PDB file of all heavy atoms in Angstrom:
ATOM      1  N   ASN A   1      11.178  40.689 -10.851  1.00  0.00           N
ATOM      2  CA  ASN A   1      12.484  41.296 -10.611  1.00  0.00           C
ATOM      3  C   ASN A   1      13.123  41.558 -11.969  1.00  0.00           C
ATOM      4  O   ASN A   1      12.998  40.721 -12.879  1.00  0.00           O
ATOM      5  CB  ASN A   1      13.369  40.371  -9.775  1.00  0.00           C
ATOM      6  CG  ASN A   1      14.609  41.066  -9.281  1.00  0.00           C
ATOM      7  OD1 ASN A   1      14.577  42.242  -8.971  1.00  0.00           O
ATOM      8  ND2 ASN A   1      15.706  40.339  -9.217  1.00  0.00           N
ATOM      9  N   TYR A   2      13.773  42.711 -12.104  1.00  0.00           N
ATOM     10  CA  TYR A   2      14.352  43.093 -13.389  1.00  0.00           C
ATOM     11  C   TYR A   2      15.793  43.548 -13.230  1.00  0.00           C
ATOM     12  O   TYR A   2      16.182  44.131 -12.207  1.00  0.00           O
ATOM     13  CB  TYR A   2      13.560  44.254 -14.013  1.00  0.00           C
ATOM     14  CG  TYR A   2      12.126  43.902 -14.339  1.00  0.00           C
ATOM     15  CD1 TYR A   2      11.112  44.159 -13.434  1.00  0.00           C
ATOM     16  CD2 TYR A   2      11.798  43.299 -15.551  1.00  0.00           C
ATOM     17  CE1 TYR A   2       9.792  43.829 -13.717  1.00  0.00           C
ATOM     18  CE2 TYR A   2      10.480  42.964 -15.851  1.00  0.00           C
ATOM     19  CZ  TYR A   2       9.487  43.228 -14.932  1.00  0.00           C
ATOM     20  OH  TYR A   2       8.190  42.890 -15.220  1.00  0.00           O
ATOM     21  N   ALA A   3      16.565  43.324 -14.260  1.00  0.00           N
ATOM     22  CA  ALA A   3      17.903  43.915 -14.314  1.00  0.00           C
ATOM     23  C   ALA A   3      17.736  45.430 -14.401  1.00  0.00           C
ATOM     24  O   ALA A   3      16.782  45.924 -15.013  1.00  0.00           O
ATOM     25  CB  ALA A   3      18.657  43.396 -15.524  1.00  0.00           C
ATOM     26  N   ASP A   4      18.661  46.136 -13.803  1.00  0.00           N
ATOM     27  CA  ASP A   4      18.574  47.601 -13.812  1.00  0.00           C
ATOM     28  C   ASP A   4      18.501  48.152 -15.232  1.00  0.00           C
ATOM     29  O   ASP A   4      17.830  49.155 -15.482  1.00  0.00           O
ATOM     30  CB  ASP A   4      19.783  48.203 -13.089  1.00  0.00           C
ATOM     31  CG  ASP A   4      19.713  48.010 -11.588  1.00  0.00           C
ATOM     32  OD1 ASP A   4      18.616  47.719 -11.065  1.00  0.00           O
ATOM     33  OD2 ASP A   4      20.762  48.152 -10.930  1.00  0.00           O
ATOM     34  N   SER A   5      19.162  47.485 -16.142  1.00  0.00           N
ATOM     35  CA  SER A   5      19.252  47.985 -17.513  1.00  0.00           C
ATOM     36  C   SER A   5      17.922  47.923 -18.265  1.00  0.00           C
ATOM     37  O   SER A   5      17.767  48.578 -19.300  1.00  0.00           O
ATOM     38  CB  SER A   5      20.310  47.200 -18.294  1.00  0.00           C
ATOM     39  OG  SER A   5      19.986  45.822 -18.306  1.00  0.00           O
ATOM     40  N   VAL A   6      16.955  47.155 -17.751  1.00  0.00           N
ATOM     41  CA  VAL A   6      15.680  47.018 -18.464  1.00  0.00           C
ATOM     42  C   VAL A   6      14.488  47.510 -17.654  1.00  0.00           C
ATOM     43  O   VAL A   6      13.357  47.507 -18.158  1.00  0.00           O
ATOM     44  CB  VAL A   6      15.433  45.568 -18.919  1.00  0.00           C
ATOM     45  CG1 VAL A   6      16.624  45.033 -19.712  1.00  0.00           C
ATOM     46  CG2 VAL A   6      15.120  44.662 -17.736  1.00  0.00           C
ATOM     47  N   LYS A   7      14.719  47.916 -16.432  1.00  0.00           N
ATOM     48  CA  LYS A   7      13.614  48.385 -15.584  1.00  0.00           C
ATOM     49  C   LYS A   7      12.868  49.533 -16.253  1.00  0.00           C
ATOM     50  O   LYS A   7      13.478  50.460 -16.787  1.00  0.00           O
ATOM     51  CB  LYS A   7      14.152  48.838 -14.230  1.00  0.00           C
ATOM     52  CG  LYS A   7      14.421  47.703 -13.263  1.00  0.00           C
ATOM     53  CD  LYS A   7      14.927  48.226 -11.925  1.00  0.00           C
ATOM     54  CE  LYS A   7      15.243  47.085 -10.983  1.00  0.00           C
ATOM     55  NZ  LYS A   7      15.818  47.559  -9.704  1.00  0.00           N
ATOM     56  N   GLY A   8      11.547  49.441 -16.219  1.00  0.00           N
ATOM     57  CA  GLY A   8      10.721  50.474 -16.824  1.00  0.00           C
ATOM     58  C   GLY A   8      10.485  50.282 -18.308  1.00  0.00           C
ATOM     59  O   GLY A   8       9.660  50.982 -18.906  1.00  0.00           O
ATOM     60  N   ARG A   9      11.219  49.351 -18.916  1.00  0.00           N
ATOM     61  CA  ARG A   9      11.059  49.102 -20.357  1.00  0.00           C
ATOM     62  C   ARG A   9      10.535  47.701 -20.652  1.00  0.00           C
ATOM     63  O   ARG A   9       9.795  47.519 -21.621  1.00  0.00           O
ATOM     64  CB  ARG A   9      12.394  49.298 -21.081  1.00  0.00           C
ATOM     65  CG  ARG A   9      12.992  50.683 -20.917  1.00  0.00           C
ATOM     66  CD  ARG A   9      14.214  50.867 -21.814  1.00  0.00           C
ATOM     67  NE  ARG A   9      15.302  49.948 -21.474  1.00  0.00           N
ATOM     68  CZ  ARG A   9      15.816  49.055 -22.316  1.00  0.00           C
ATOM     69  NH1 ARG A   9      15.344  48.952 -23.546  1.00  0.00           N
ATOM     70  NH2 ARG A   9      16.823  48.275 -21.936  1.00  0.00           N
ATOM     71  N   PHE A  10      10.928  46.736 -19.840  1.00  0.00           N
ATOM     72  CA  PHE A  10      10.531  45.341 -20.056  1.00  0.00           C
ATOM     73  C   PHE A  10       9.513  44.917 -18.999  1.00  0.00           C
ATOM     74  O   PHE A  10       9.588  45.362 -17.849  1.00  0.00           O
ATOM     75  CB  PHE A  10      11.735  44.417 -19.962  1.00  0.00           C
ATOM     76  CG  PHE A  10      12.711  44.523 -21.100  1.00  0.00           C
ATOM     77  CD1 PHE A  10      12.657  45.549 -22.035  1.00  0.00           C
ATOM     78  CD2 PHE A  10      13.721  43.560 -21.237  1.00  0.00           C
ATOM     79  CE1 PHE A  10      13.563  45.631 -23.079  1.00  0.00           C
ATOM     80  CE2 PHE A  10      14.630  43.628 -22.277  1.00  0.00           C
ATOM     81  CZ  PHE A  10      14.552  44.674 -23.189  1.00  0.00           C
ATOM     82  N   THR A  11       8.616  44.038 -19.398  1.00  0.00           N
ATOM     83  CA  THR A  11       7.634  43.483 -18.469  1.00  0.00           C
ATOM     84  C   THR A  11       7.536  41.981 -18.676  1.00  0.00           C
ATOM     85  O   THR A  11       7.277  41.522 -19.785  1.00  0.00           O
ATOM     86  CB  THR A  11       6.248  44.108 -18.678  1.00  0.00           C
ATOM     87  OG1 THR A  11       6.327  45.534 -18.537  1.00  0.00           O
ATOM     88  CG2 THR A  11       5.257  43.552 -17.665  1.00  0.00           C
ATOM     89  N   ILE A  12       7.758  41.232 -17.609  1.00  0.00           N
ATOM     90  CA  ILE A  12       7.633  39.782 -17.668  1.00  0.00           C
ATOM     91  C   ILE A  12       6.265  39.381 -17.141  1.00  0.00           C
ATOM     92  O   ILE A  12       5.740  40.009 -16.206  1.00  0.00           O
ATOM     93  CB  ILE A  12       8.764  39.098 -16.861  1.00  0.00           C
ATOM     94  CG1 ILE A  12       8.745  37.579 -17.089  1.00  0.00           C
ATOM     95  CG2 ILE A  12       8.682  39.445 -15.377  1.00  0.00           C
ATOM     96  CD1 ILE A  12       9.948  36.853 -16.491  1.00  0.00           C
ATOM     97  N   SER A  13       5.695  38.358 -17.750  1.00  0.00           N
ATOM     98  CA  SER A  13       4.404  37.849 -17.283  1.00  0.00           C
ATOM     99  C   SER A  13       4.372  36.346 -17.515  1.00  0.00           C
ATOM    100  O   SER A  13       5.166  35.813 -18.289  1.00  0.00           O
ATOM    101  CB  SER A  13       3.253  38.533 -18.026  1.00  0.00           C
ATOM    102  OG  SER A  13       3.318  38.275 -19.417  1.00  0.00           O
ATOM    103  N   ARG A  14       3.448  35.678 -16.832  1.00  0.00           N
ATOM    104  CA  ARG A  14       3.300  34.241 -17.011  1.00  0.00           C
ATOM    105  C   ARG A  14       1.830  33.878 -16.988  1.00  0.00           C
ATOM    106  O   ARG A  14       1.027  34.532 -16.320  1.00  0.00           O
ATOM    107  CB  ARG A  14       4.069  33.454 -15.951  1.00  0.00           C
ATOM    108  CG  ARG A  14       3.570  33.635 -14.545  1.00  0.00           C
ATOM    109  CD  ARG A  14       4.533  33.015 -13.525  1.00  0.00           C
ATOM    110  NE  ARG A  14       4.521  31.550 -13.568  1.00  0.00           N
ATOM    111  CZ  ARG A  14       5.397  30.786 -12.905  1.00  0.00           C
ATOM    112  NH1 ARG A  14       6.345  31.344 -12.180  1.00  0.00           N
ATOM    113  NH2 ARG A  14       5.331  29.475 -12.974  1.00  0.00           N
ATOM    114  N   ASP A  15       1.507  32.831 -17.711  1.00  0.00           N
ATOM    115  CA  ASP A  15       0.138  32.307 -17.737  1.00  0.00           C
ATOM    116  C   ASP A  15       0.241  30.812 -17.470  1.00  0.00           C
ATOM    117  O   ASP A  15       0.512  30.024 -18.374  1.00  0.00           O
ATOM    118  CB  ASP A  15      -0.515  32.590 -19.090  1.00  0.00           C
ATOM    119  CG  ASP A  15      -1.977  32.192 -19.126  1.00  0.00           C
ATOM    120  OD1 ASP A  15      -2.397  31.349 -18.310  1.00  0.00           O
ATOM    121  OD2 ASP A  15      -2.697  32.706 -19.992  1.00  0.00           O
ATOM    122  N   ASN A  16       0.046  30.426 -16.218  1.00  0.00           N
ATOM    123  CA  ASN A  16       0.198  29.011 -15.849  1.00  0.00           C
ATOM    124  C   ASN A  16      -0.844  28.132 -16.546  1.00  0.00           C
ATOM    125  O   ASN A  16      -0.589  26.966 -16.818  1.00  0.00           O
ATOM    126  CB  ASN A  16       0.091  28.846 -14.339  1.00  0.00           C
ATOM    127  CG  ASN A  16       1.324  29.359 -13.616  1.00  0.00           C
ATOM    128  OD1 ASN A  16       2.353  29.640 -14.241  1.00  0.00           O
ATOM    129  ND2 ASN A  16       1.229  29.498 -12.307  1.00  0.00           N
ATOM    130  N   ALA A  17      -1.998  28.680 -16.844  1.00  0.00           N
ATOM    131  CA  ALA A  17      -3.037  27.894 -17.521  1.00  0.00           C
ATOM    132  C   ALA A  17      -2.623  27.528 -18.941  1.00  0.00           C
ATOM    133  O   ALA A  17      -2.995  26.459 -19.447  1.00  0.00           O
ATOM    134  CB  ALA A  17      -4.345  28.682 -17.546  1.00  0.00           C
ATOM    135  N   LYS A  18      -1.840  28.406 -19.552  1.00  0.00           N
ATOM    136  CA  LYS A  18      -1.384  28.157 -20.925  1.00  0.00           C
ATOM    137  C   LYS A  18       0.073  27.721 -20.977  1.00  0.00           C
ATOM    138  O   LYS A  18       0.612  27.495 -22.061  1.00  0.00           O
ATOM    139  CB  LYS A  18      -1.571  29.413 -21.771  1.00  0.00           C
ATOM    140  CG  LYS A  18      -3.027  29.828 -21.948  1.00  0.00           C
ATOM    141  CD  LYS A  18      -3.155  31.049 -22.847  1.00  0.00           C
ATOM    142  CE  LYS A  18      -4.622  31.432 -23.038  1.00  0.00           C
ATOM    143  NZ  LYS A  18      -4.760  32.641 -23.901  1.00  0.00           N
ATOM    144  N   ASN A  19       0.691  27.616 -19.804  1.00  0.00           N
ATOM    145  CA  ASN A  19       2.097  27.184 -19.718  1.00  0.00           C
ATOM    146  C   ASN A  19       3.002  28.065 -20.578  1.00  0.00           C
ATOM    147  O   ASN A  19       3.842  27.573 -21.340  1.00  0.00           O
ATOM    148  CB  ASN A  19       2.244  25.715 -20.112  1.00  0.00           C
ATOM    149  CG  ASN A  19       1.473  24.812 -19.182  1.00  0.00           C
ATOM    150  OD1 ASN A  19       1.516  24.987 -17.965  1.00  0.00           O
ATOM    151  ND2 ASN A  19       0.746  23.860 -19.741  1.00  0.00           N
ATOM    152  N   THR A  20       2.810  29.355 -20.443  1.00  0.00           N
ATOM    153  CA  THR A  20       3.609  30.293 -21.213  1.00  0.00           C
ATOM    154  C   THR A  20       4.173  31.403 -20.317  1.00  0.00           C
ATOM    155  O   THR A  20       3.595  31.725 -19.270  1.00  0.00           O
ATOM    156  CB  THR A  20       2.790  30.954 -22.333  1.00  0.00           C
ATOM    157  OG1 THR A  20       1.631  31.574 -21.759  1.00  0.00           O
ATOM    158  CG2 THR A  20       2.357  29.952 -23.375  1.00  0.00           C
ATOM    159  N   VAL A  21       5.279  31.930 -20.760  1.00  0.00           N
ATOM    160  CA  VAL A  21       5.906  33.078 -20.113  1.00  0.00           C
ATOM    161  C   VAL A  21       6.215  34.087 -21.224  1.00  0.00           C
ATOM    162  O   VAL A  21       6.660  33.689 -22.305  1.00  0.00           O
ATOM    163  CB  VAL A  21       7.200  32.686 -19.380  1.00  0.00           C
ATOM    164  CG1 VAL A  21       7.786  33.903 -18.658  1.00  0.00           C
ATOM    165  CG2 VAL A  21       6.949  31.561 -18.395  1.00  0.00           C
ATOM    166  N   HIS A  22       5.952  35.339 -20.943  1.00  0.00           N
ATOM    167  CA  HIS A  22       6.173  36.357 -21.960  1.00  0.00           C
ATOM    168  C   HIS A  22       7.132  37.431 -21.452  1.00  0.00           C
ATOM    169  O   HIS A  22       7.258  37.648 -20.241  1.00  0.00           O
ATOM    170  CB  HIS A  22       4.849  37.009 -22.351  1.00  0.00           C
ATOM    171  CG  HIS A  22       3.872  36.063 -22.954  1.00  0.00           C
ATOM    172  ND1 HIS A  22       3.986  35.590 -24.242  1.00  0.00           N
ATOM    173  CD2 HIS A  22       2.768  35.473 -22.433  1.00  0.00           C
ATOM    174  CE1 HIS A  22       2.995  34.767 -24.490  1.00  0.00           C
ATOM    175  NE2 HIS A  22       2.243  34.667 -23.416  1.00  0.00           N
ATOM    176  N   LEU A  23       7.765  38.104 -22.411  1.00  0.00           N
ATOM    177  CA  LEU A  23       8.599  39.258 -22.081  1.00  0.00           C
ATOM    178  C   LEU A  23       8.240  40.362 -23.064  1.00  0.00           C
ATOM    179  O   LEU A  23       8.560  40.270 -24.252  1.00  0.00           O
ATOM    180  CB  LEU A  23      10.082  38.919 -22.173  1.00  0.00           C
ATOM    181  CG  LEU A  23      11.027  40.041 -21.711  1.00  0.00           C
ATOM    182  CD1 LEU A  23      10.873  40.265 -20.197  1.00  0.00           C
ATOM    183  CD2 LEU A  23      12.477  39.701 -22.048  1.00  0.00           C
ATOM    184  N   GLN A  24       7.541  41.367 -22.576  1.00  0.00           N
ATOM    185  CA  GLN A  24       7.208  42.536 -23.387  1.00  0.00           C
ATOM    186  C   GLN A  24       8.369  43.511 -23.294  1.00  0.00           C
ATOM    187  O   GLN A  24       8.741  43.935 -22.193  1.00  0.00           O
ATOM    188  CB  GLN A  24       5.919  43.198 -22.893  1.00  0.00           C
ATOM    189  CG  GLN A  24       5.532  44.454 -23.654  1.00  0.00           C
ATOM    190  CD  GLN A  24       5.157  44.170 -25.094  1.00  0.00           C
ATOM    191  OE1 GLN A  24       4.443  43.229 -25.382  1.00  0.00           O
ATOM    192  NE2 GLN A  24       5.642  45.013 -26.005  1.00  0.00           N
ATOM    193  N   MET A  25       8.923  43.849 -24.445  1.00  0.00           N
ATOM    194  CA  MET A  25      10.089  44.721 -24.482  1.00  0.00           C
ATOM    195  C   MET A  25       9.737  45.989 -25.247  1.00  0.00           C
ATOM    196  O   MET A  25       9.417  45.936 -26.435  1.00  0.00           O
ATOM    197  CB  MET A  25      11.266  44.004 -25.147  1.00  0.00           C
ATOM    198  CG  MET A  25      11.584  42.658 -24.526  1.00  0.00           C
ATOM    199  SD  MET A  25      13.097  41.916 -25.183  1.00  0.00           S
ATOM    200  CE  MET A  25      12.626  41.708 -26.892  1.00  0.00           C
ATOM    201  N   ASN A  26       9.786  47.110 -24.565  1.00  0.00           N
ATOM    202  CA  ASN A  26       9.490  48.394 -25.168  1.00  0.00           C
ATOM    203  C   ASN A  26      10.729  49.284 -25.140  1.00  0.00           C
ATOM    204  O   ASN A  26      11.680  49.017 -24.414  1.00  0.00           O
ATOM    205  CB  ASN A  26       8.351  49.083 -24.410  1.00  0.00           C
ATOM    206  CG  ASN A  26       7.058  48.297 -24.449  1.00  0.00           C
ATOM    207  OD1 ASN A  26       6.760  47.595 -25.422  1.00  0.00           O
ATOM    208  ND2 ASN A  26       6.274  48.395 -23.386  1.00  0.00           N
ATOM    209  N   SER A  27      10.686  50.333 -25.934  1.00  0.00           N
ATOM    210  CA  SER A  27      11.794  51.307 -25.979  1.00  0.00           C
ATOM    211  C   SER A  27      13.133  50.600 -26.144  1.00  0.00           C
ATOM    212  O   SER A  27      14.093  50.860 -25.411  1.00  0.00           O
ATOM    213  CB  SER A  27      11.790  52.159 -24.703  1.00  0.00           C
ATOM    214  OG  SER A  27      10.558  52.832 -24.552  1.00  0.00           O
ATOM    215  N   LEU A  28      13.175  49.696 -27.084  1.00  0.00           N
ATOM    216  CA  LEU A  28      14.381  48.880 -27.262  1.00  0.00           C
ATOM    217  C   LEU A  28      15.582  49.726 -27.647  1.00  0.00           C
ATOM    218  O   LEU A  28      15.474  50.719 -28.386  1.00  0.00           O
ATOM    219  CB  LEU A  28      14.127  47.798 -28.302  1.00  0.00           C
ATOM    220  CG  LEU A  28      13.299  46.617 -27.778  1.00  0.00           C
ATOM    221  CD1 LEU A  28      12.694  45.816 -28.913  1.00  0.00           C
ATOM    222  CD2 LEU A  28      14.156  45.726 -26.890  1.00  0.00           C
ATOM    223  N   LYS A  29      16.722  49.306 -27.125  1.00  0.00           N
ATOM    224  CA  LYS A  29      17.988  49.992 -27.372  1.00  0.00           C
ATOM    225  C   LYS A  29      18.947  49.061 -28.109  1.00  0.00           C
ATOM    226  O   LYS A  29      18.779  47.832 -28.083  1.00  0.00           O
ATOM    227  CB  LYS A  29      18.613  50.416 -26.038  1.00  0.00           C
ATOM    228  CG  LYS A  29      17.739  51.320 -25.192  1.00  0.00           C
ATOM    229  CD  LYS A  29      18.420  51.630 -23.869  1.00  0.00           C
ATOM    230  CE  LYS A  29      17.568  52.538 -23.003  1.00  0.00           C
ATOM    231  NZ  LYS A  29      18.223  52.855 -21.706  1.00  0.00           N
ATOM    232  N   LEU A  30      19.952  49.650 -28.723  1.00  0.00           N
ATOM    233  CA  LEU A  30      20.939  48.845 -29.435  1.00  0.00           C
ATOM    234  C   LEU A  30      21.530  47.778 -28.531  1.00  0.00           C
ATOM    235  O   LEU A  30      21.777  46.639 -28.956  1.00  0.00           O
ATOM    236  CB  LEU A  30      22.047  49.742 -29.995  1.00  0.00           C
ATOM    237  CG  LEU A  30      21.652  50.776 -31.038  1.00  0.00           C
ATOM    238  CD1 LEU A  30      22.862  51.593 -31.454  1.00  0.00           C
ATOM    239  CD2 LEU A  30      21.018  50.095 -32.246  1.00  0.00           C
ATOM    240  N   GLU A  31      21.743  48.135 -27.266  1.00  0.00           N
ATOM    241  CA  GLU A  31      22.384  47.213 -26.324  1.00  0.00           C
ATOM    242  C   GLU A  31      21.476  46.076 -25.870  1.00  0.00           C
ATOM    243  O   GLU A  31      21.909  45.201 -25.135  1.00  0.00           O
ATOM    244  CB  GLU A  31      22.931  47.965 -25.109  1.00  0.00           C
ATOM    245  CG  GLU A  31      21.917  48.866 -24.421  1.00  0.00           C
ATOM    246  CD  GLU A  31      22.020  50.317 -24.887  1.00  0.00           C
ATOM    247  OE1 GLU A  31      22.219  50.545 -26.099  1.00  0.00           O
ATOM    248  OE2 GLU A  31      21.877  51.206 -24.027  1.00  0.00           O
ATOM    249  N   ASP A  32      20.232  46.085 -26.318  1.00  0.00           N
ATOM    250  CA  ASP A  32      19.337  44.967 -26.021  1.00  0.00           C
ATOM    251  C   ASP A  32      19.524  43.824 -27.016  1.00  0.00           C
ATOM    252  O   ASP A  32      18.933  42.752 -26.857  1.00  0.00           O
ATOM    253  CB  ASP A  32      17.876  45.419 -26.052  1.00  0.00           C
ATOM    254  CG  ASP A  32      17.542  46.411 -24.948  1.00  0.00           C
ATOM    255  OD1 ASP A  32      18.023  46.211 -23.812  1.00  0.00           O
ATOM    256  OD2 ASP A  32      16.800  47.374 -25.217  1.00  0.00           O
ATOM    257  N   THR A  33      20.326  44.051 -28.035  1.00  0.00           N
ATOM    258  CA  THR A  33      20.596  43.010 -29.023  1.00  0.00           C
ATOM    259  C   THR A  33      21.253  41.809 -28.350  1.00  0.00           C
ATOM    260  O   THR A  33      22.288  41.945 -27.689  1.00  0.00           O
ATOM    261  CB  THR A  33      21.505  43.544 -30.136  1.00  0.00           C
ATOM    262  OG1 THR A  33      20.802  44.564 -30.865  1.00  0.00           O
ATOM    263  CG2 THR A  33      21.920  42.433 -31.089  1.00  0.00           C
ATOM    264  N   ALA A  34      20.630  40.646 -28.506  1.00  0.00           N
ATOM    265  CA  ALA A  34      21.114  39.439 -27.840  1.00  0.00           C
ATOM    266  C   ALA A  34      20.213  38.267 -28.224  1.00  0.00           C
ATOM    267  O   ALA A  34      19.161  38.461 -28.834  1.00  0.00           O
ATOM    268  CB  ALA A  34      21.094  39.625 -26.319  1.00  0.00           C
ATOM    269  N   VAL A  35      20.653  37.085 -27.830  1.00  0.00           N
ATOM    270  CA  VAL A  35      19.776  35.923 -27.884  1.00  0.00           C
ATOM    271  C   VAL A  35      19.110  35.807 -26.513  1.00  0.00           C
ATOM    272  O   VAL A  35      19.788  35.850 -25.486  1.00  0.00           O
ATOM    273  CB  VAL A  35      20.553  34.640 -28.214  1.00  0.00           C
ATOM    274  CG1 VAL A  35      19.592  33.443 -28.252  1.00  0.00           C
ATOM    275  CG2 VAL A  35      21.267  34.772 -29.553  1.00  0.00           C
ATOM    276  N   TYR A  36      17.803  35.673 -26.510  1.00  0.00           N
ATOM    277  CA  TYR A  36      17.025  35.638 -25.277  1.00  0.00           C
ATOM    278  C   TYR A  36      16.558  34.213 -25.004  1.00  0.00           C
ATOM    279  O   TYR A  36      16.077  33.515 -25.908  1.00  0.00           O
ATOM    280  CB  TYR A  36      15.834  36.579 -25.385  1.00  0.00           C
ATOM    281  CG  TYR A  36      16.225  38.032 -25.268  1.00  0.00           C
ATOM    282  CD1 TYR A  36      16.911  38.676 -26.280  1.00  0.00           C
ATOM    283  CD2 TYR A  36      15.915  38.768 -24.118  1.00  0.00           C
ATOM    284  CE1 TYR A  36      17.292  40.001 -26.164  1.00  0.00           C
ATOM    285  CE2 TYR A  36      16.278  40.098 -23.994  1.00  0.00           C
ATOM    286  CZ  TYR A  36      16.961  40.709 -25.018  1.00  0.00           C
ATOM    287  OH  TYR A  36      17.343  42.021 -24.898  1.00  0.00           O
ATOM    288  N   TYR A  37      16.711  33.816 -23.740  1.00  0.00           N
ATOM    289  CA  TYR A  37      16.387  32.460 -23.317  1.00  0.00           C
ATOM    290  C   TYR A  37      15.399  32.491 -22.148  1.00  0.00           C
ATOM    291  O   TYR A  37      15.512  33.326 -21.253  1.00  0.00           O
ATOM    292  CB  TYR A  37      17.639  31.721 -22.863  1.00  0.00           C
ATOM    293  CG  TYR A  37      18.735  31.632 -23.879  1.00  0.00           C
ATOM    294  CD1 TYR A  37      19.692  32.635 -23.990  1.00  0.00           C
ATOM    295  CD2 TYR A  37      18.837  30.521 -24.723  1.00  0.00           C
ATOM    296  CE1 TYR A  37      20.717  32.545 -24.923  1.00  0.00           C
ATOM    297  CE2 TYR A  37      19.856  30.423 -25.658  1.00  0.00           C
ATOM    298  CZ  TYR A  37      20.792  31.440 -25.749  1.00  0.00           C
ATOM    299  OH  TYR A  37      21.809  31.351 -26.670  1.00  0.00           O
ATOM    300  N   CYS A  38      14.517  31.520 -22.156  1.00  0.00           N
ATOM    301  CA  CYS A  38      13.560  31.338 -21.063  1.00  0.00           C
ATOM    302  C   CYS A  38      14.014  30.130 -20.252  1.00  0.00           C
ATOM    303  O   CYS A  38      14.442  29.119 -20.824  1.00  0.00           O
ATOM    304  CB  CYS A  38      12.180  31.107 -21.664  1.00  0.00           C
ATOM    305  SG  CYS A  38      10.899  30.628 -20.514  1.00  0.00           S
ATOM    306  N   THR A  39      13.888  30.209 -18.942  1.00  0.00           N
ATOM    307  CA  THR A  39      14.337  29.092 -18.127  1.00  0.00           C
ATOM    308  C   THR A  39      13.691  29.130 -16.753  1.00  0.00           C
ATOM    309  O   THR A  39      13.357  30.199 -16.242  1.00  0.00           O
ATOM    310  CB  THR A  39      15.872  29.118 -17.956  1.00  0.00           C
ATOM    311  OG1 THR A  39      16.275  27.999 -17.173  1.00  0.00           O
ATOM    312  CG2 THR A  39      16.320  30.385 -17.253  1.00  0.00           C
ATOM    313  N   PRO A  40      13.509  27.951 -16.137  1.00  0.00           N
ATOM    314  CA  PRO A  40      13.155  27.961 -14.722  1.00  0.00           C
ATOM    315  C   PRO A  40      14.375  28.440 -13.934  1.00  0.00           C
ATOM    316  O   PRO A  40      15.515  28.312 -14.378  1.00  0.00           O
ATOM    317  CB  PRO A  40      12.878  26.482 -14.400  1.00  0.00           C
ATOM    318  CG  PRO A  40      12.722  25.809 -15.720  1.00  0.00           C
ATOM    319  CD  PRO A  40      13.553  26.582 -16.682  1.00  0.00           C
ATOM    320  N   ILE A  41      14.108  29.000 -12.778  1.00  0.00           N
ATOM    321  CA  ILE A  41      15.195  29.423 -11.895  1.00  0.00           C
ATOM    322  C   ILE A  41      14.985  28.751 -10.540  1.00  0.00           C
ATOM    323  O   ILE A  41      13.944  28.975  -9.914  1.00  0.00           O
ATOM    324  CB  ILE A  41      15.224  30.954 -11.713  1.00  0.00           C
ATOM    325  CG1 ILE A  41      15.469  31.641 -13.070  1.00  0.00           C
ATOM    326  CG2 ILE A  41      16.307  31.357 -10.716  1.00  0.00           C
ATOM    327  CD1 ILE A  41      15.372  33.145 -13.021  1.00  0.00           C
ATOM    328  N   PRO A  42      15.904  27.918 -10.074  1.00  0.00           N
ATOM    329  CA  PRO A  42      17.170  27.601 -10.720  1.00  0.00           C
ATOM    330  C   PRO A  42      16.980  26.723 -11.952  1.00  0.00           C
ATOM    331  O   PRO A  42      15.981  26.012 -12.057  1.00  0.00           O
ATOM    332  CB  PRO A  42      17.931  26.842  -9.621  1.00  0.00           C
ATOM    333  CG  PRO A  42      16.853  26.236  -8.784  1.00  0.00           C
ATOM    334  CD  PRO A  42      15.743  27.241  -8.785  1.00  0.00           C
ATOM    335  N   ARG A  43      17.924  26.843 -12.864  1.00  0.00           N
ATOM    336  CA  ARG A  43      17.821  26.091 -14.112  1.00  0.00           C
ATOM    337  C   ARG A  43      18.191  24.633 -13.882  1.00  0.00           C
ATOM    338  O   ARG A  43      19.243  24.335 -13.351  1.00  0.00           O
ATOM    339  CB  ARG A  43      18.757  26.701 -15.168  1.00  0.00           C
ATOM    340  CG  ARG A  43      18.652  26.046 -16.530  1.00  0.00           C
ATOM    341  CD  ARG A  43      19.478  26.814 -17.540  1.00  0.00           C
ATOM    342  NE  ARG A  43      20.882  26.827 -17.186  1.00  0.00           N
ATOM    343  CZ  ARG A  43      21.744  25.889 -17.516  1.00  0.00           C
ATOM    344  NH1 ARG A  43      21.326  24.837 -18.197  1.00  0.00           N
ATOM    345  NH2 ARG A  43      23.005  25.981 -17.167  1.00  0.00           N
TER     346      ARG A  43
END
């Protein structure tokens, strides 16, 4: 599931074997500037 503002540009993935989660961000825009956090949901 993606926020409307990033649909088509960002891709989230997870690798349970490696205990990692990734966020591929393409076509970045000025408004993507932020601190990014990873979390279980619910946190």
